[in-house]
Structure formats: C-alpha cells, structure tokens
Amino acid sequence: MDAAELRATQAPIKERYKTDPKAALITLKAKGSIENDGIACKVETGRALAVAGLHPASGGSGLELCSGDMLLEALVACAGVTLKSVATAIEAPLKSGHVFAEGDLDFRGTLGVDKEAAVGFDSIRLRFEVETDAPQDKLDLLLKLTERYCVVYQTIKNGPKVSVEMKRV
C-alpha cells in the first residue's frame, strides 16, 4: 500500500467521523476464562487462545504467557503498525526495522514483600531501529507522529480512567 492508497482508504472513514463523531466511538473488549487448572487465565485474542499465568519471578512455571510480556507485546504491535502506517502516509520508505519494548518491574510489590515497592511497571522504554534512506527531518516527523497516534502507547502514557467491579454469577 502506498500513501495514495492509504489516503484513499482512510478518506471516507475520516469524513464519516467528521460528520458523525459518535460513529468513531468504539468499545474494544477482551475476555478470559479462569476455568482451567493451575494459576492461569485463558484469553480469547480473536485469532487464538492465549493462556496467561504467573511470571517465573512470582512463582509461575514459565509455560504460560506473562501478562506483563503481553502488555509490552501489545505496545510493540501497535507501535509497529502505527510506524508503518505513518511511514507510508508521509512517504518515508522503510527498508527494514525492528520495534523493541522493555519494562522494569519490582516483583517485591506484586508479591507483597515490600509495601513501598510499586506494583506494575516502574518504567517502559520503546525503541525503533529502522533502515531507511529518508532524511533525518522525515525520521523526526515519523517518530513524533508514531508516538502521537499509537493507541497503546498513548493509553499507557496518559493513564485512562479505569474502573473495576466484581459480580456474583
């Protein structure tokens, strides 16, 4: 897909959202099941079934996916797709590239060993390594726009309102 095809594909969608802002409001959903053996949760990804479990640093076997890894994987996936889309739109051809996400955790927090230790990521780093002949000003714009339009990155960075509830069924 080139820039013209991308614009042509997105133009009617953008126009619809301009004329009907409510049409742009979508609720994404995730679902999991805890009806299995072990300390794990089966997550329906829409394409496959993923089983998440405890990280080995908190007593897990390492056989299931760690939800922290899944968060970083979602960030990499979203950032990679956004990077490619923006590169296409601004005509900054990428020959190849990689997206990396790293996050620092202190498992004393999640295990309740130290009440002062944070539960969750203390920091997350996202890095792009690209092979391109695009000039530096295009790369600077590519990074700026990828950061601006990456849904997962912006969600992590800006911390949306979150609520939680429990119901007896």
N, C-alpha and C. Protein backbone atom coordinates (compact mmCIF):
# COMPACT_ATOMS: atom_id res chain seq x y z
N MET A 1 0.86 -1.18 0.00
CA MET A 1 0.00 0.00 0.00
C MET A 1 0.90 1.23 0.00
N ASP A 2 0.59 2.18 -0.87
CA ASP A 2 1.37 3.42 -0.89
C ASP A 2 0.56 4.53 -0.23
N ALA A 3 1.14 5.74 -0.18
CA ALA A 3 0.49 6.86 0.51
C ALA A 3 -0.87 7.18 -0.10
N ALA A 4 -0.97 7.16 -1.43
CA ALA A 4 -2.23 7.48 -2.10
C ALA A 4 -3.31 6.45 -1.76
N GLU A 5 -2.95 5.17 -1.76
CA GLU A 5 -3.92 4.12 -1.42
C GLU A 5 -4.37 4.24 0.04
N LEU A 6 -3.42 4.55 0.92
CA LEU A 6 -3.75 4.72 2.33
C LEU A 6 -4.72 5.88 2.51
N ARG A 7 -4.42 7.02 1.88
CA ARG A 7 -5.31 8.18 1.98
C ARG A 7 -6.68 7.86 1.40
N ALA A 8 -6.71 7.15 0.27
CA ALA A 8 -7.98 6.80 -0.36
C ALA A 8 -8.80 5.87 0.53
N THR A 9 -8.13 4.96 1.19
CA THR A 9 -8.82 4.03 2.08
C THR A 9 -9.36 4.75 3.31
N GLN A 10 -8.56 5.66 3.86
CA GLN A 10 -8.94 6.32 5.10
C GLN A 10 -9.85 7.54 4.90
N ALA A 11 -9.86 8.14 3.72
CA ALA A 11 -10.62 9.38 3.49
C ALA A 11 -12.11 9.24 3.83
N PRO A 12 -12.80 8.21 3.32
CA PRO A 12 -14.23 8.12 3.65
C PRO A 12 -14.47 7.85 5.14
N ILE A 13 -13.57 7.14 5.77
CA ILE A 13 -13.70 6.87 7.20
C ILE A 13 -13.54 8.16 7.98
N LYS A 14 -12.51 8.93 7.64
CA LYS A 14 -12.28 10.22 8.31
C LYS A 14 -13.46 11.16 8.10
N GLU A 15 -13.98 11.20 6.90
CA GLU A 15 -15.12 12.07 6.59
C GLU A 15 -16.34 11.65 7.41
N ARG A 16 -16.57 10.36 7.50
CA ARG A 16 -17.70 9.88 8.30
C ARG A 16 -17.56 10.31 9.75
N TYR A 17 -16.35 10.21 10.30
CA TYR A 17 -16.12 10.57 11.69
C TYR A 17 -16.24 12.08 11.90
N LYS A 18 -15.93 12.86 10.89
CA LYS A 18 -16.10 14.32 10.99
C LYS A 18 -17.57 14.68 11.02
N THR A 19 -18.36 14.03 10.18
CA THR A 19 -19.79 14.35 10.10
C THR A 19 -20.60 13.66 11.19
N ASP A 20 -20.10 12.53 11.68
CA ASP A 20 -20.80 11.78 12.73
C ASP A 20 -19.78 11.33 13.78
N PRO A 21 -19.38 12.24 14.68
CA PRO A 21 -18.36 11.89 15.67
C PRO A 21 -18.68 10.64 16.49
N LYS A 22 -19.95 10.39 16.73
CA LYS A 22 -20.31 9.21 17.53
C LYS A 22 -19.96 7.91 16.82
N ALA A 23 -19.88 7.94 15.49
CA ALA A 23 -19.52 6.73 14.74
C ALA A 23 -18.09 6.31 15.02
N ALA A 24 -17.27 7.23 15.51
CA ALA A 24 -15.87 6.92 15.79
C ALA A 24 -15.67 6.31 17.18
N LEU A 25 -16.73 6.28 17.97
CA LEU A 25 -16.62 5.74 19.32
C LEU A 25 -16.83 4.24 19.29
N ILE A 26 -15.78 3.50 19.56
CA ILE A 26 -15.80 2.04 19.51
C ILE A 26 -15.37 1.51 20.87
N THR A 27 -15.99 0.46 21.33
CA THR A 27 -15.57 -0.20 22.56
C THR A 27 -14.90 -1.52 22.21
N LEU A 28 -13.62 -1.60 22.48
CA LEU A 28 -12.89 -2.85 22.29
C LEU A 28 -13.05 -3.68 23.55
N LYS A 29 -13.08 -4.99 23.38
CA LYS A 29 -13.30 -5.87 24.53
C LYS A 29 -12.31 -7.00 24.53
N ALA A 30 -12.01 -7.48 25.70
CA ALA A 30 -11.17 -8.67 25.88
C ALA A 30 -11.91 -9.58 26.84
N LYS A 31 -11.69 -10.88 26.68
CA LYS A 31 -12.38 -11.85 27.51
C LYS A 31 -11.43 -12.97 27.87
N GLY A 32 -11.52 -13.44 29.08
CA GLY A 32 -10.70 -14.55 29.52
C GLY A 32 -11.50 -15.48 30.39
N SER A 33 -10.97 -16.68 30.57
CA SER A 33 -11.63 -17.70 31.39
C SER A 33 -10.65 -18.22 32.42
N ILE A 34 -11.12 -18.33 33.67
CA ILE A 34 -10.27 -18.89 34.73
C ILE A 34 -10.71 -20.30 35.08
N GLU A 35 -11.46 -20.92 34.19
CA GLU A 35 -11.98 -22.27 34.42
C GLU A 35 -11.02 -23.33 33.91
N ASN A 36 -9.79 -23.28 34.36
CA ASN A 36 -8.81 -24.27 33.95
C ASN A 36 -7.91 -24.60 35.14
N ASP A 37 -7.09 -25.59 34.95
CA ASP A 37 -6.19 -26.00 36.02
C ASP A 37 -5.05 -25.01 36.17
N GLY A 38 -4.50 -24.95 37.35
CA GLY A 38 -3.34 -24.10 37.59
C GLY A 38 -3.74 -22.65 37.79
N ILE A 39 -2.75 -21.84 38.04
CA ILE A 39 -2.97 -20.41 38.21
C ILE A 39 -2.75 -19.78 36.85
N ALA A 40 -3.82 -19.73 36.06
CA ALA A 40 -3.72 -19.25 34.69
C ALA A 40 -5.07 -18.69 34.24
N CYS A 41 -5.05 -17.93 33.18
CA CYS A 41 -6.25 -17.35 32.59
C CYS A 41 -6.17 -17.49 31.09
N LYS A 42 -7.17 -18.14 30.48
CA LYS A 42 -7.21 -18.26 29.03
C LYS A 42 -7.82 -16.99 28.45
N VAL A 43 -7.08 -16.36 27.57
CA VAL A 43 -7.53 -15.10 26.98
C VAL A 43 -7.89 -15.33 25.52
N GLU A 44 -9.10 -14.93 25.14
CA GLU A 44 -9.52 -15.03 23.75
C GLU A 44 -8.99 -13.81 23.02
N THR A 45 -8.11 -14.04 22.06
CA THR A 45 -7.50 -12.93 21.35
C THR A 45 -8.24 -12.57 20.07
N GLY A 46 -9.23 -13.32 19.70
CA GLY A 46 -9.92 -13.08 18.44
C GLY A 46 -9.33 -13.93 17.33
N ARG A 47 -8.10 -14.36 17.49
CA ARG A 47 -7.43 -15.18 16.49
C ARG A 47 -7.00 -16.53 17.08
N ALA A 48 -6.76 -16.53 18.36
CA ALA A 48 -6.28 -17.75 19.02
C ALA A 48 -6.58 -17.63 20.50
N LEU A 49 -6.30 -18.68 21.21
CA LEU A 49 -6.49 -18.67 22.65
C LEU A 49 -5.12 -18.56 23.30
N ALA A 50 -4.95 -17.56 24.15
CA ALA A 50 -3.68 -17.37 24.85
C ALA A 50 -3.91 -17.68 26.32
N VAL A 51 -2.99 -18.40 26.92
CA VAL A 51 -3.09 -18.73 28.33
C VAL A 51 -2.05 -17.92 29.08
N ALA A 52 -2.54 -17.05 29.96
CA ALA A 52 -1.66 -16.21 30.77
C ALA A 52 -1.53 -16.81 32.15
N GLY A 53 -0.33 -16.75 32.69
CA GLY A 53 -0.09 -17.28 34.03
C GLY A 53 0.91 -16.42 34.78
N LEU A 54 1.32 -16.91 35.91
CA LEU A 54 2.30 -16.19 36.71
C LEU A 54 3.67 -16.19 36.03
N HIS A 55 4.36 -15.08 36.15
CA HIS A 55 5.74 -14.99 35.68
C HIS A 55 6.59 -15.86 36.62
N PRO A 56 7.66 -16.47 36.12
CA PRO A 56 8.50 -17.27 37.00
C PRO A 56 9.02 -16.51 38.22
N ALA A 57 9.18 -15.19 38.10
CA ALA A 57 9.66 -14.40 39.23
C ALA A 57 8.62 -14.27 40.33
N SER A 58 7.38 -14.73 40.05
CA SER A 58 6.35 -14.70 41.08
C SER A 58 5.77 -16.09 41.31
N GLY A 59 6.49 -17.12 40.89
CA GLY A 59 6.08 -18.48 41.16
C GLY A 59 5.51 -19.24 39.99
N GLY A 60 5.49 -18.65 38.83
CA GLY A 60 4.96 -19.33 37.65
C GLY A 60 5.93 -20.33 37.06
N SER A 61 5.40 -21.18 36.20
CA SER A 61 6.21 -22.23 35.58
C SER A 61 6.97 -21.71 34.37
N GLY A 62 6.50 -20.60 33.81
CA GLY A 62 7.09 -20.09 32.57
C GLY A 62 6.45 -20.70 31.34
N LEU A 63 5.49 -21.62 31.53
CA LEU A 63 4.81 -22.25 30.40
C LEU A 63 3.70 -21.36 29.84
N GLU A 64 3.10 -20.55 30.70
CA GLU A 64 2.05 -19.64 30.24
C GLU A 64 2.65 -18.28 29.91
N LEU A 65 1.87 -17.49 29.19
CA LEU A 65 2.30 -16.14 28.85
C LEU A 65 2.20 -15.26 30.08
N CYS A 66 3.14 -14.37 30.25
CA CYS A 66 3.10 -13.39 31.34
C CYS A 66 2.32 -12.18 30.84
N SER A 67 1.37 -11.71 31.62
CA SER A 67 0.57 -10.57 31.20
C SER A 67 1.41 -9.32 31.01
N GLY A 68 2.50 -9.18 31.76
CA GLY A 68 3.40 -8.05 31.54
C GLY A 68 4.06 -8.12 30.17
N ASP A 69 4.47 -9.33 29.79
CA ASP A 69 5.02 -9.52 28.44
C ASP A 69 3.96 -9.19 27.39
N MET A 70 2.72 -9.61 27.66
CA MET A 70 1.64 -9.36 26.70
C MET A 70 1.39 -7.86 26.54
N LEU A 71 1.50 -7.11 27.63
CA LEU A 71 1.34 -5.67 27.54
C LEU A 71 2.42 -5.06 26.65
N LEU A 72 3.67 -5.50 26.87
CA LEU A 72 4.77 -4.99 26.04
C LEU A 72 4.61 -5.44 24.59
N GLU A 73 4.13 -6.67 24.39
CA GLU A 73 3.90 -7.17 23.03
C GLU A 73 2.81 -6.35 22.33
N ALA A 74 1.76 -5.98 23.08
CA ALA A 74 0.71 -5.14 22.51
C ALA A 74 1.27 -3.77 22.13
N LEU A 75 2.14 -3.24 22.96
CA LEU A 75 2.78 -1.96 22.65
C LEU A 75 3.63 -2.07 21.39
N VAL A 76 4.43 -3.12 21.29
CA VAL A 76 5.27 -3.32 20.11
C VAL A 76 4.41 -3.48 18.86
N ALA A 77 3.35 -4.26 18.97
CA ALA A 77 2.47 -4.48 17.81
C ALA A 77 1.83 -3.18 17.36
N CYS A 78 1.27 -2.44 18.28
CA CYS A 78 0.60 -1.18 17.94
C CYS A 78 1.60 -0.17 17.39
N ALA A 79 2.75 -0.04 18.05
CA ALA A 79 3.75 0.91 17.59
C ALA A 79 4.30 0.54 16.22
N GLY A 80 4.47 -0.75 15.98
CA GLY A 80 4.97 -1.19 14.68
C GLY A 80 3.98 -0.91 13.56
N VAL A 81 2.71 -1.19 13.81
CA VAL A 81 1.68 -0.92 12.80
C VAL A 81 1.55 0.59 12.57
N THR A 82 1.58 1.35 13.65
CA THR A 82 1.49 2.80 13.53
C THR A 82 2.68 3.36 12.78
N LEU A 83 3.88 2.88 13.10
CA LEU A 83 5.09 3.32 12.41
C LEU A 83 4.98 3.07 10.91
N LYS A 84 4.58 1.86 10.53
CA LYS A 84 4.45 1.53 9.11
C LYS A 84 3.40 2.39 8.43
N SER A 85 2.29 2.61 9.09
CA SER A 85 1.22 3.42 8.53
C SER A 85 1.67 4.87 8.33
N VAL A 86 2.29 5.43 9.35
CA VAL A 86 2.77 6.81 9.27
C VAL A 86 3.87 6.93 8.22
N ALA A 87 4.79 5.97 8.18
CA ALA A 87 5.87 5.99 7.18
C ALA A 87 5.28 6.00 5.78
N THR A 88 4.24 5.22 5.58
CA THR A 88 3.57 5.19 4.28
C THR A 88 2.93 6.54 3.98
N ALA A 89 2.22 7.07 4.97
CA ALA A 89 1.50 8.33 4.77
C ALA A 89 2.42 9.50 4.47
N ILE A 90 3.58 9.55 5.12
CA ILE A 90 4.48 10.70 4.91
C ILE A 90 5.56 10.39 3.87
N GLU A 91 5.43 9.22 3.26
CA GLU A 91 6.37 8.78 2.22
C GLU A 91 7.82 8.79 2.71
N ALA A 92 8.01 8.09 3.82
CA ALA A 92 9.34 7.86 4.38
C ALA A 92 9.58 6.35 4.29
N PRO A 93 10.07 5.88 3.14
CA PRO A 93 10.19 4.43 2.93
C PRO A 93 11.15 3.77 3.92
N LEU A 94 10.68 2.67 4.49
CA LEU A 94 11.50 1.88 5.41
C LEU A 94 11.92 0.61 4.70
N LYS A 95 13.22 0.35 4.67
CA LYS A 95 13.71 -0.90 4.07
C LYS A 95 13.48 -2.06 5.03
N SER A 96 13.74 -1.81 6.30
CA SER A 96 13.53 -2.81 7.33
C SER A 96 13.51 -2.11 8.67
N GLY A 97 13.16 -2.83 9.70
CA GLY A 97 13.15 -2.22 11.02
C GLY A 97 12.72 -3.18 12.09
N HIS A 98 12.93 -2.76 13.31
CA HIS A 98 12.52 -3.53 14.48
C HIS A 98 11.96 -2.57 15.51
N VAL A 99 11.03 -3.08 16.32
CA VAL A 99 10.44 -2.32 17.41
C VAL A 99 10.72 -3.10 18.68
N PHE A 100 11.20 -2.41 19.69
CA PHE A 100 11.54 -3.04 20.96
C PHE A 100 10.82 -2.32 22.10
N ALA A 101 10.31 -3.08 23.05
CA ALA A 101 9.75 -2.51 24.27
C ALA A 101 10.35 -3.25 25.45
N GLU A 102 10.75 -2.50 26.43
CA GLU A 102 11.30 -3.06 27.67
C GLU A 102 10.61 -2.39 28.84
N GLY A 103 10.34 -3.15 29.87
CA GLY A 103 9.72 -2.59 31.06
C GLY A 103 10.36 -3.12 32.31
N ASP A 104 10.50 -2.26 33.31
CA ASP A 104 11.13 -2.63 34.57
C ASP A 104 10.08 -2.86 35.65
N LEU A 105 10.18 -4.00 36.30
CA LEU A 105 9.26 -4.38 37.37
C LEU A 105 10.04 -4.74 38.63
N ASP A 106 9.45 -4.47 39.77
CA ASP A 106 10.00 -4.91 41.05
C ASP A 106 8.98 -5.89 41.63
N PHE A 107 9.28 -7.17 41.55
CA PHE A 107 8.31 -8.19 41.97
C PHE A 107 8.05 -8.19 43.47
N ARG A 108 8.83 -7.43 44.25
CA ARG A 108 8.51 -7.32 45.68
C ARG A 108 7.14 -6.68 45.85
N GLY A 109 6.77 -5.77 44.94
CA GLY A 109 5.47 -5.10 45.04
C GLY A 109 4.32 -6.05 44.78
N THR A 110 4.39 -6.77 43.67
CA THR A 110 3.28 -7.65 43.31
C THR A 110 3.15 -8.85 44.26
N LEU A 111 4.25 -9.22 44.90
CA LEU A 111 4.19 -10.32 45.87
C LEU A 111 3.93 -9.85 47.30
N GLY A 112 3.80 -8.54 47.49
CA GLY A 112 3.51 -8.01 48.82
C GLY A 112 4.66 -8.13 49.79
N VAL A 113 5.88 -8.29 49.27
CA VAL A 113 7.07 -8.41 50.12
C VAL A 113 7.44 -7.06 50.73
N ASP A 114 7.26 -6.01 49.94
CA ASP A 114 7.61 -4.66 50.38
C ASP A 114 6.46 -3.74 49.99
N LYS A 115 5.74 -3.24 50.97
CA LYS A 115 4.57 -2.40 50.71
C LYS A 115 4.95 -1.09 50.02
N GLU A 116 6.22 -0.70 50.09
CA GLU A 116 6.67 0.53 49.44
C GLU A 116 7.04 0.30 47.98
N ALA A 117 7.25 -0.94 47.60
CA ALA A 117 7.62 -1.26 46.21
C ALA A 117 6.38 -1.15 45.33
N ALA A 118 6.56 -0.54 44.18
CA ALA A 118 5.44 -0.35 43.25
C ALA A 118 4.95 -1.69 42.71
N VAL A 119 3.65 -1.76 42.46
CA VAL A 119 3.06 -2.89 41.75
C VAL A 119 2.87 -2.40 40.32
N GLY A 120 3.48 -3.07 39.40
CA GLY A 120 3.39 -2.67 38.00
C GLY A 120 4.72 -2.16 37.49
N PHE A 121 4.71 -1.77 36.23
CA PHE A 121 5.93 -1.29 35.60
C PHE A 121 6.34 0.05 36.21
N ASP A 122 7.61 0.15 36.53
CA ASP A 122 8.19 1.41 37.01
C ASP A 122 8.53 2.29 35.82
N SER A 123 9.00 1.67 34.75
CA SER A 123 9.31 2.41 33.52
C SER A 123 9.18 1.48 32.33
N ILE A 124 8.84 2.06 31.20
CA ILE A 124 8.73 1.33 29.94
C ILE A 124 9.48 2.13 28.89
N ARG A 125 10.29 1.43 28.11
CA ARG A 125 11.06 2.07 27.04
C ARG A 125 10.66 1.46 25.71
N LEU A 126 10.37 2.31 24.75
CA LEU A 126 10.01 1.89 23.40
C LEU A 126 11.09 2.41 22.46
N ARG A 127 11.60 1.51 21.61
CA ARG A 127 12.70 1.90 20.71
C ARG A 127 12.45 1.35 19.31
N PHE A 128 12.76 2.17 18.32
CA PHE A 128 12.65 1.77 16.92
C PHE A 128 14.05 1.77 16.33
N GLU A 129 14.35 0.75 15.57
CA GLU A 129 15.58 0.70 14.78
C GLU A 129 15.15 0.48 13.34
N VAL A 130 15.43 1.46 12.48
CA VAL A 130 14.96 1.38 11.11
C VAL A 130 16.10 1.57 10.12
N GLU A 131 15.98 0.86 9.03
CA GLU A 131 16.90 1.04 7.91
C GLU A 131 16.13 1.82 6.85
N THR A 132 16.63 3.01 6.53
CA THR A 132 15.93 3.89 5.60
C THR A 132 16.90 4.90 5.02
N ASP A 133 16.54 5.39 3.85
CA ASP A 133 17.29 6.48 3.24
C ASP A 133 16.61 7.82 3.47
N ALA A 134 15.52 7.81 4.22
CA ALA A 134 14.78 9.04 4.48
C ALA A 134 15.66 10.02 5.25
N PRO A 135 15.52 11.31 4.96
CA PRO A 135 16.31 12.32 5.68
C PRO A 135 15.90 12.39 7.16
N GLN A 136 16.77 12.95 7.98
CA GLN A 136 16.53 13.00 9.42
C GLN A 136 15.25 13.75 9.77
N ASP A 137 14.91 14.80 9.05
CA ASP A 137 13.68 15.52 9.37
C ASP A 137 12.45 14.64 9.17
N LYS A 138 12.48 13.74 8.19
CA LYS A 138 11.37 12.78 7.99
C LYS A 138 11.33 11.78 9.13
N LEU A 139 12.51 11.33 9.58
CA LEU A 139 12.54 10.39 10.70
C LEU A 139 12.03 11.03 11.98
N ASP A 140 12.39 12.30 12.18
CA ASP A 140 11.90 13.01 13.36
C ASP A 140 10.37 13.12 13.32
N LEU A 141 9.83 13.42 12.15
CA LEU A 141 8.38 13.50 11.99
C LEU A 141 7.74 12.13 12.17
N LEU A 142 8.38 11.11 11.63
CA LEU A 142 7.89 9.74 11.75
C LEU A 142 7.77 9.35 13.22
N LEU A 143 8.79 9.64 14.00
CA LEU A 143 8.75 9.31 15.43
C LEU A 143 7.67 10.11 16.14
N LYS A 144 7.60 11.39 15.86
CA LYS A 144 6.61 12.26 16.51
C LYS A 144 5.18 11.78 16.22
N LEU A 145 4.90 11.46 14.96
CA LEU A 145 3.54 11.05 14.60
C LEU A 145 3.23 9.64 15.07
N THR A 146 4.22 8.75 15.07
CA THR A 146 4.01 7.40 15.59
C THR A 146 3.67 7.47 17.07
N GLU A 147 4.39 8.29 17.80
CA GLU A 147 4.10 8.47 19.22
C GLU A 147 2.70 9.05 19.41
N ARG A 148 2.34 10.02 18.61
CA ARG A 148 1.04 10.69 18.75
C ARG A 148 -0.12 9.74 18.47
N TYR A 149 0.02 8.86 17.46
CA TYR A 149 -1.12 8.07 17.01
C TYR A 149 -1.12 6.61 17.45
N CYS A 150 -0.14 6.18 18.21
CA CYS A 150 -0.12 4.80 18.70
C CYS A 150 -1.06 4.68 19.91
N VAL A 151 -2.14 3.95 19.72
CA VAL A 151 -3.18 3.82 20.74
C VAL A 151 -2.63 3.24 22.05
N VAL A 152 -1.88 2.17 21.96
CA VAL A 152 -1.39 1.52 23.18
C VAL A 152 -0.38 2.42 23.90
N TYR A 153 0.52 3.05 23.16
CA TYR A 153 1.48 3.96 23.77
C TYR A 153 0.77 5.10 24.49
N GLN A 154 -0.18 5.74 23.81
CA GLN A 154 -0.89 6.87 24.41
C GLN A 154 -1.70 6.42 25.63
N THR A 155 -2.26 5.22 25.58
CA THR A 155 -3.02 4.70 26.71
C THR A 155 -2.11 4.50 27.92
N ILE A 156 -0.96 3.92 27.71
CA ILE A 156 -0.01 3.71 28.81
C ILE A 156 0.49 5.05 29.33
N LYS A 157 0.86 5.92 28.43
CA LYS A 157 1.44 7.22 28.79
C LYS A 157 0.46 8.09 29.57
N ASN A 158 -0.79 8.11 29.14
CA ASN A 158 -1.75 9.05 29.72
C ASN A 158 -2.65 8.47 30.80
N GLY A 159 -2.55 7.18 31.04
CA GLY A 159 -3.32 6.57 32.12
C GLY A 159 -4.81 6.90 32.10
N PRO A 160 -5.61 6.16 31.33
CA PRO A 160 -7.04 6.44 31.24
C PRO A 160 -7.76 6.15 32.56
N LYS A 161 -8.98 6.66 32.65
CA LYS A 161 -9.81 6.32 33.80
C LYS A 161 -10.08 4.81 33.73
N VAL A 162 -9.93 4.15 34.82
CA VAL A 162 -10.14 2.71 34.89
C VAL A 162 -11.04 2.42 36.07
N SER A 163 -11.95 1.48 35.88
CA SER A 163 -12.80 1.06 37.00
C SER A 163 -12.76 -0.46 37.07
N VAL A 164 -13.13 -0.96 38.22
CA VAL A 164 -13.16 -2.41 38.41
C VAL A 164 -14.37 -2.76 39.27
N GLU A 165 -14.97 -3.89 39.01
CA GLU A 165 -16.09 -4.35 39.81
C GLU A 165 -16.07 -5.87 39.83
N MET A 166 -16.78 -6.43 40.77
CA MET A 166 -16.92 -7.88 40.85
C MET A 166 -18.40 -8.19 41.03
N LYS A 167 -18.89 -9.19 40.28
CA LYS A 167 -20.28 -9.62 40.38
C LYS A 167 -20.33 -11.11 40.68
N ARG A 168 -21.26 -11.46 41.48
CA ARG A 168 -21.51 -12.89 41.73
C ARG A 168 -22.43 -13.38 40.62
N VAL A 169 -22.08 -14.54 40.02
CA VAL A 169 -22.93 -15.09 38.95
C VAL A 169 -23.50 -16.42 39.35
